[in-house]
PDB file of all heavy atoms in Angstrom:
ATOM      1  N   TYR A   1     -45.739  36.621  18.948  1.00  0.00           N
ATOM      2  CA  TYR A   1     -44.780  37.648  19.373  1.00  0.00           C
ATOM      3  C   TYR A   1     -44.772  38.766  18.322  1.00  0.00           C
ATOM      4  O   TYR A   1     -45.245  38.594  17.144  1.00  0.00           O
ATOM      5  CB  TYR A   1     -43.356  36.993  19.344  1.00  0.00           C
ATOM      6  CG  TYR A   1     -43.234  35.812  20.265  1.00  0.00           C
ATOM      7  CD1 TYR A   1     -43.193  34.505  19.767  1.00  0.00           C
ATOM      8  CD2 TYR A   1     -42.961  36.012  21.642  1.00  0.00           C
ATOM      9  CE1 TYR A   1     -43.149  33.426  20.596  1.00  0.00           C
ATOM     10  CE2 TYR A   1     -42.865  34.919  22.493  1.00  0.00           C
ATOM     11  CZ  TYR A   1     -42.863  33.643  22.029  1.00  0.00           C
ATOM     12  OH  TYR A   1     -42.799  32.546  22.771  1.00  0.00           O
ATOM     13  N   GLU A   2     -44.173  39.825  18.710  1.00  0.00           N
ATOM     14  CA  GLU A   2     -43.899  40.966  17.774  1.00  0.00           C
ATOM     15  C   GLU A   2     -42.669  41.693  18.218  1.00  0.00           C
ATOM     16  O   GLU A   2     -42.254  41.668  19.413  1.00  0.00           O
ATOM     17  CB  GLU A   2     -45.089  41.953  17.610  1.00  0.00           C
ATOM     18  CG  GLU A   2     -45.400  42.761  18.859  1.00  0.00           C
ATOM     19  CD  GLU A   2     -46.595  43.723  18.616  1.00  0.00           C
ATOM     20  OE1 GLU A   2     -47.706  43.288  18.734  1.00  0.00           O
ATOM     21  OE2 GLU A   2     -46.316  44.911  18.305  1.00  0.00           O
ATOM     22  N   THR A   3     -42.060  42.393  17.358  1.00  0.00           N
ATOM     23  CA  THR A   3     -40.862  43.195  17.664  1.00  0.00           C
ATOM     24  C   THR A   3     -41.319  44.621  17.746  1.00  0.00           C
ATOM     25  O   THR A   3     -42.257  45.073  17.130  1.00  0.00           O
ATOM     26  CB  THR A   3     -39.744  43.138  16.650  1.00  0.00           C
ATOM     27  OG1 THR A   3     -40.292  43.503  15.334  1.00  0.00           O
ATOM     28  CG2 THR A   3     -39.222  41.682  16.523  1.00  0.00           C
ATOM     29  N   VAL A   4     -40.597  45.361  18.664  1.00  0.00           N
ATOM     30  CA  VAL A   4     -40.938  46.832  18.865  1.00  0.00           C
ATOM     31  C   VAL A   4     -39.641  47.622  18.813  1.00  0.00           C
ATOM     32  O   VAL A   4     -38.519  47.174  19.179  1.00  0.00           O
ATOM     33  CB  VAL A   4     -41.677  47.058  20.249  1.00  0.00           C
ATOM     34  CG1 VAL A   4     -42.982  46.346  20.204  1.00  0.00           C
ATOM     35  CG2 VAL A   4     -40.785  46.525  21.420  1.00  0.00           C
ATOM     36  N   GLY A   5     -39.814  48.859  18.404  1.00  0.00           N
ATOM     37  CA  GLY A   5     -38.572  49.756  18.300  1.00  0.00           C
ATOM     38  C   GLY A   5     -37.680  49.422  17.098  1.00  0.00           C
ATOM     39  O   GLY A   5     -37.954  48.589  16.392  1.00  0.00           O
ATOM     40  N   GLU A   6     -36.592  50.080  17.157  1.00  0.00           N
ATOM     41  CA  GLU A   6     -35.587  49.917  16.037  1.00  0.00           C
ATOM     42  C   GLU A   6     -34.601  48.772  16.481  1.00  0.00           C
ATOM     43  O   GLU A   6     -34.411  48.453  17.596  1.00  0.00           O
ATOM     44  CB  GLU A   6     -34.798  51.168  15.938  1.00  0.00           C
ATOM     45  CG  GLU A   6     -35.604  52.392  15.453  1.00  0.00           C
ATOM     46  CD  GLU A   6     -36.307  52.148  14.081  1.00  0.00           C
ATOM     47  OE1 GLU A   6     -35.611  51.585  13.209  1.00  0.00           O
ATOM     48  OE2 GLU A   6     -37.398  52.629  13.856  1.00  0.00           O
ATOM     49  N   GLU A   7     -34.015  48.195  15.396  1.00  0.00           N
ATOM     50  CA  GLU A   7     -32.840  47.283  15.645  1.00  0.00           C
ATOM     51  C   GLU A   7     -31.799  48.023  16.439  1.00  0.00           C
ATOM     52  O   GLU A   7     -31.583  49.148  16.202  1.00  0.00           O
ATOM     53  CB  GLU A   7     -32.348  46.761  14.279  1.00  0.00           C
ATOM     54  CG  GLU A   7     -31.250  45.744  14.366  1.00  0.00           C
ATOM     55  CD  GLU A   7     -30.793  45.347  13.002  1.00  0.00           C
ATOM     56  OE1 GLU A   7     -30.190  46.187  12.305  1.00  0.00           O
ATOM     57  OE2 GLU A   7     -30.916  44.108  12.700  1.00  0.00           O
ATOM     58  N   PHE A   8     -31.129  47.330  17.332  1.00  0.00           N
ATOM     59  CA  PHE A   8     -30.060  47.950  18.039  1.00  0.00           C
ATOM     60  C   PHE A   8     -28.775  47.165  18.027  1.00  0.00           C
ATOM     61  O   PHE A   8     -28.838  45.927  17.682  1.00  0.00           O
ATOM     62  CB  PHE A   8     -30.456  48.246  19.524  1.00  0.00           C
ATOM     63  CG  PHE A   8     -30.839  46.999  20.381  1.00  0.00           C
ATOM     64  CD1 PHE A   8     -29.843  46.265  21.083  1.00  0.00           C
ATOM     65  CD2 PHE A   8     -32.117  46.475  20.369  1.00  0.00           C
ATOM     66  CE1 PHE A   8     -30.144  45.119  21.819  1.00  0.00           C
ATOM     67  CE2 PHE A   8     -32.472  45.370  21.107  1.00  0.00           C
ATOM     68  CZ  PHE A   8     -31.492  44.700  21.818  1.00  0.00           C
ATOM     69  N   GLU A   9     -27.597  47.851  18.278  1.00  0.00           N
ATOM     70  CA  GLU A   9     -26.335  47.211  18.178  1.00  0.00           C
ATOM     71  C   GLU A   9     -26.165  46.427  16.807  1.00  0.00           C
ATOM     72  O   GLU A   9     -25.842  45.261  16.808  1.00  0.00           O
ATOM     73  CB  GLU A   9     -26.007  46.388  19.340  1.00  0.00           C
ATOM     74  CG  GLU A   9     -25.922  47.145  20.634  1.00  0.00           C
ATOM     75  CD  GLU A   9     -25.560  46.364  21.923  1.00  0.00           C
ATOM     76  OE1 GLU A   9     -25.023  45.267  21.735  1.00  0.00           O
ATOM     77  OE2 GLU A   9     -25.767  46.857  22.991  1.00  0.00           O
ATOM     78  N   SER A  10     -26.498  47.069  15.734  1.00  0.00           N
ATOM     79  CA  SER A  10     -26.659  46.437  14.446  1.00  0.00           C
ATOM     80  C   SER A  10     -25.334  45.979  13.824  1.00  0.00           C
ATOM     81  O   SER A  10     -25.291  45.308  12.858  1.00  0.00           O
ATOM     82  CB  SER A  10     -27.368  47.337  13.465  1.00  0.00           C
ATOM     83  OG  SER A  10     -26.754  48.550  13.336  1.00  0.00           O
ATOM     84  N   ASN A  11     -24.229  46.385  14.361  1.00  0.00           N
ATOM     85  CA  ASN A  11     -22.985  46.011  13.800  1.00  0.00           C
ATOM     86  C   ASN A  11     -22.214  45.021  14.761  1.00  0.00           C
ATOM     87  O   ASN A  11     -20.973  44.970  14.800  1.00  0.00           O
ATOM     88  CB  ASN A  11     -21.958  47.194  13.601  1.00  0.00           C
ATOM     89  CG  ASN A  11     -22.391  48.010  12.269  1.00  0.00           C
ATOM     90  OD1 ASN A  11     -22.691  47.277  11.247  1.00  0.00           O
ATOM     91  ND2 ASN A  11     -22.477  49.256  12.382  1.00  0.00           N
ATOM     92  N   THR A  12     -22.975  44.294  15.544  1.00  0.00           N
ATOM     93  CA  THR A  12     -22.358  43.390  16.521  1.00  0.00           C
ATOM     94  C   THR A  12     -21.841  42.149  15.707  1.00  0.00           C
ATOM     95  O   THR A  12     -22.558  41.577  14.880  1.00  0.00           O
ATOM     96  CB  THR A  12     -23.424  42.820  17.506  1.00  0.00           C
ATOM     97  OG1 THR A  12     -23.974  43.917  18.236  1.00  0.00           O
ATOM     98  CG2 THR A  12     -22.825  41.745  18.412  1.00  0.00           C
ATOM     99  N   SER A  13     -20.589  41.766  15.826  1.00  0.00           N
ATOM    100  CA  SER A  13     -19.945  40.712  15.095  1.00  0.00           C
ATOM    101  C   SER A  13     -20.061  39.396  15.909  1.00  0.00           C
ATOM    102  O   SER A  13     -19.937  39.474  17.133  1.00  0.00           O
ATOM    103  CB  SER A  13     -18.481  41.010  14.725  1.00  0.00           C
ATOM    104  OG  SER A  13     -18.444  42.049  13.712  1.00  0.00           O
ATOM    105  N   ILE A  14     -20.263  38.281  15.225  1.00  0.00           N
ATOM    106  CA  ILE A  14     -20.264  37.017  15.831  1.00  0.00           C
ATOM    107  C   ILE A  14     -19.103  36.229  15.264  1.00  0.00           C
ATOM    108  O   ILE A  14     -18.724  36.454  14.142  1.00  0.00           O
ATOM    109  CB  ILE A  14     -21.618  36.209  15.833  1.00  0.00           C
ATOM    110  CG1 ILE A  14     -21.989  36.016  14.351  1.00  0.00           C
ATOM    111  CG2 ILE A  14     -22.532  37.019  16.528  1.00  0.00           C
ATOM    112  CD1 ILE A  14     -23.211  35.159  14.183  1.00  0.00           C
ATOM    113  N   GLY A  15     -18.613  35.324  16.011  1.00  0.00           N
ATOM    114  CA  GLY A  15     -17.401  34.572  15.503  1.00  0.00           C
ATOM    115  C   GLY A  15     -17.272  33.140  16.148  1.00  0.00           C
ATOM    116  O   GLY A  15     -17.825  32.829  17.202  1.00  0.00           O
ATOM    117  N   MET A  16     -16.402  32.332  15.513  1.00  0.00           N
ATOM    118  CA  MET A  16     -15.967  31.144  16.062  1.00  0.00           C
ATOM    119  C   MET A  16     -14.837  31.449  16.981  1.00  0.00           C
ATOM    120  O   MET A  16     -14.079  32.451  16.777  1.00  0.00           O
ATOM    121  CB  MET A  16     -15.537  30.133  15.015  1.00  0.00           C
ATOM    122  CG  MET A  16     -16.732  29.622  14.202  1.00  0.00           C
ATOM    123  SD  MET A  16     -16.235  28.699  12.733  1.00  0.00           S
ATOM    124  CE  MET A  16     -15.891  30.059  11.629  1.00  0.00           C
ATOM    125  N   ALA A  17     -14.595  30.625  18.037  1.00  0.00           N
ATOM    126  CA  ALA A  17     -13.512  30.932  18.957  1.00  0.00           C
ATOM    127  C   ALA A  17     -12.551  29.751  19.106  1.00  0.00           C
ATOM    128  O   ALA A  17     -12.992  28.601  19.189  1.00  0.00           O
ATOM    129  CB  ALA A  17     -14.149  31.329  20.315  1.00  0.00           C
ATOM    130  N   THR A  18     -11.300  30.076  19.279  1.00  0.00           N
ATOM    131  CA  THR A  18     -10.247  29.066  19.584  1.00  0.00           C
ATOM    132  C   THR A  18      -9.549  29.466  20.837  1.00  0.00           C
ATOM    133  O   THR A  18      -9.747  30.643  21.293  1.00  0.00           O
ATOM    134  CB  THR A  18      -9.271  28.993  18.461  1.00  0.00           C
ATOM    135  OG1 THR A  18      -8.604  30.242  18.233  1.00  0.00           O
ATOM    136  CG2 THR A  18      -9.917  28.577  17.133  1.00  0.00           C
ATOM    137  N   ARG A  19      -8.791  28.590  21.388  1.00  0.00           N
ATOM    138  CA  ARG A  19      -8.026  28.947  22.588  1.00  0.00           C
ATOM    139  C   ARG A  19      -7.036  30.003  22.265  1.00  0.00           C
ATOM    140  O   ARG A  19      -6.572  30.104  21.184  1.00  0.00           O
ATOM    141  CB  ARG A  19      -7.251  27.619  23.125  1.00  0.00           C
ATOM    142  CG  ARG A  19      -8.141  26.801  23.979  1.00  0.00           C
ATOM    143  CD  ARG A  19      -7.295  25.662  24.519  1.00  0.00           C
ATOM    144  NE  ARG A  19      -6.978  24.689  23.504  1.00  0.00           N
ATOM    145  CZ  ARG A  19      -7.819  23.741  22.981  1.00  0.00           C
ATOM    146  NH1 ARG A  19      -8.970  23.673  23.424  1.00  0.00           N
ATOM    147  NH2 ARG A  19      -7.358  22.934  22.011  1.00  0.00           N
ATOM    148  N   LYS A  20      -6.722  30.848  23.296  1.00  0.00           N
ATOM    149  CA  LYS A  20      -5.770  31.870  23.176  1.00  0.00           C
ATOM    150  C   LYS A  20      -4.471  31.275  22.641  1.00  0.00           C
ATOM    151  O   LYS A  20      -3.887  30.373  23.157  1.00  0.00           O
ATOM    152  CB  LYS A  20      -5.519  32.566  24.486  1.00  0.00           C
ATOM    153  CG  LYS A  20      -6.508  33.683  24.844  1.00  0.00           C
ATOM    154  CD  LYS A  20      -6.292  34.890  23.930  1.00  0.00           C
ATOM    155  CE  LYS A  20      -7.165  36.027  24.332  1.00  0.00           C
ATOM    156  NZ  LYS A  20      -7.051  37.212  23.363  1.00  0.00           N
ATOM    157  N   GLY A  21      -3.893  31.885  21.574  1.00  0.00           N
ATOM    158  CA  GLY A  21      -2.589  31.479  21.050  1.00  0.00           C
ATOM    159  C   GLY A  21      -2.578  30.362  20.213  1.00  0.00           C
ATOM    160  O   GLY A  21      -1.506  29.901  19.692  1.00  0.00           O
ATOM    161  N   ASP A  22      -3.766  29.767  19.824  1.00  0.00           N
ATOM    162  CA  ASP A  22      -3.860  28.555  18.982  1.00  0.00           C
ATOM    163  C   ASP A  22      -3.669  29.048  17.476  1.00  0.00           C
ATOM    164  O   ASP A  22      -4.681  29.014  16.727  1.00  0.00           O
ATOM    165  CB  ASP A  22      -5.022  27.789  19.212  1.00  0.00           C
ATOM    166  CG  ASP A  22      -5.031  26.376  18.544  1.00  0.00           C
ATOM    167  OD1 ASP A  22      -4.172  26.183  17.659  1.00  0.00           O
ATOM    168  OD2 ASP A  22      -5.911  25.566  18.794  1.00  0.00           O
ATOM    169  N   ALA A  23      -2.476  29.491  17.147  1.00  0.00           N
ATOM    170  CA  ALA A  23      -2.318  30.038  15.825  1.00  0.00           C
ATOM    171  C   ALA A  23      -2.530  29.030  14.662  1.00  0.00           C
ATOM    172  O   ALA A  23      -3.064  29.459  13.617  1.00  0.00           O
ATOM    173  CB  ALA A  23      -1.047  30.669  15.678  1.00  0.00           C
ATOM    174  N   ALA A  24      -2.222  27.813  14.887  1.00  0.00           N
ATOM    175  CA  ALA A  24      -2.365  26.827  13.881  1.00  0.00           C
ATOM    176  C   ALA A  24      -3.811  26.630  13.432  1.00  0.00           C
ATOM    177  O   ALA A  24      -4.173  26.603  12.278  1.00  0.00           O
ATOM    178  CB  ALA A  24      -1.705  25.512  14.291  1.00  0.00           C
ATOM    179  N   LEU A  25      -4.707  26.410  14.385  1.00  0.00           N
ATOM    180  CA  LEU A  25      -6.063  26.224  14.174  1.00  0.00           C
ATOM    181  C   LEU A  25      -6.734  27.460  13.588  1.00  0.00           C
ATOM    182  O   LEU A  25      -7.599  27.464  12.734  1.00  0.00           O
ATOM    183  CB  LEU A  25      -6.771  25.723  15.403  1.00  0.00           C
ATOM    184  CG  LEU A  25      -8.256  25.351  15.150  1.00  0.00           C
ATOM    185  CD1 LEU A  25      -8.408  24.292  14.083  1.00  0.00           C
ATOM    186  CD2 LEU A  25      -8.917  24.810  16.438  1.00  0.00           C
ATOM    187  N   GLN A  26      -6.289  28.659  14.187  1.00  0.00           N
ATOM    188  CA  GLN A  26      -6.816  29.893  13.664  1.00  0.00           C
ATOM    189  C   GLN A  26      -6.530  30.010  12.172  1.00  0.00           C
ATOM    190  O   GLN A  26      -7.411  30.386  11.325  1.00  0.00           O
ATOM    191  CB  GLN A  26      -6.158  31.088  14.387  1.00  0.00           C
ATOM    192  CG  GLN A  26      -6.827  31.407  15.674  1.00  0.00           C
ATOM    193  CD  GLN A  26      -7.827  32.563  15.502  1.00  0.00           C
ATOM    194  OE1 GLN A  26      -7.641  33.456  14.707  1.00  0.00           O
ATOM    195  NE2 GLN A  26      -8.842  32.542  16.386  1.00  0.00           N
ATOM    196  N   SER A  27      -5.310  29.742  11.714  1.00  0.00           N
ATOM    197  CA  SER A  27      -4.874  29.877  10.435  1.00  0.00           C
ATOM    198  C   SER A  27      -5.696  28.942   9.495  1.00  0.00           C
ATOM    199  O   SER A  27      -6.076  29.229   8.377  1.00  0.00           O
ATOM    200  CB  SER A  27      -3.376  29.557  10.314  1.00  0.00           C
ATOM    201  OG  SER A  27      -2.985  29.613   8.860  1.00  0.00           O
ATOM    202  N   SER A  28      -5.928  27.633   9.997  1.00  0.00           N
ATOM    203  CA  SER A  28      -6.653  26.686   9.204  1.00  0.00           C
ATOM    204  C   SER A  28      -8.083  27.130   8.916  1.00  0.00           C
ATOM    205  O   SER A  28      -8.663  27.030   7.911  1.00  0.00           O
ATOM    206  CB  SER A  28      -6.620  25.351   9.968  1.00  0.00           C
ATOM    207  OG  SER A  28      -5.352  24.815  10.018  1.00  0.00           O
TER     208      SER A  28
END
């Protein structure tokens, strides 16, 4: 394989996810 062109969307953030409103686990 090889890569071509420039890197794109270089500030894309990735994260862990919790259920909506699960403040306790988010805080932990």
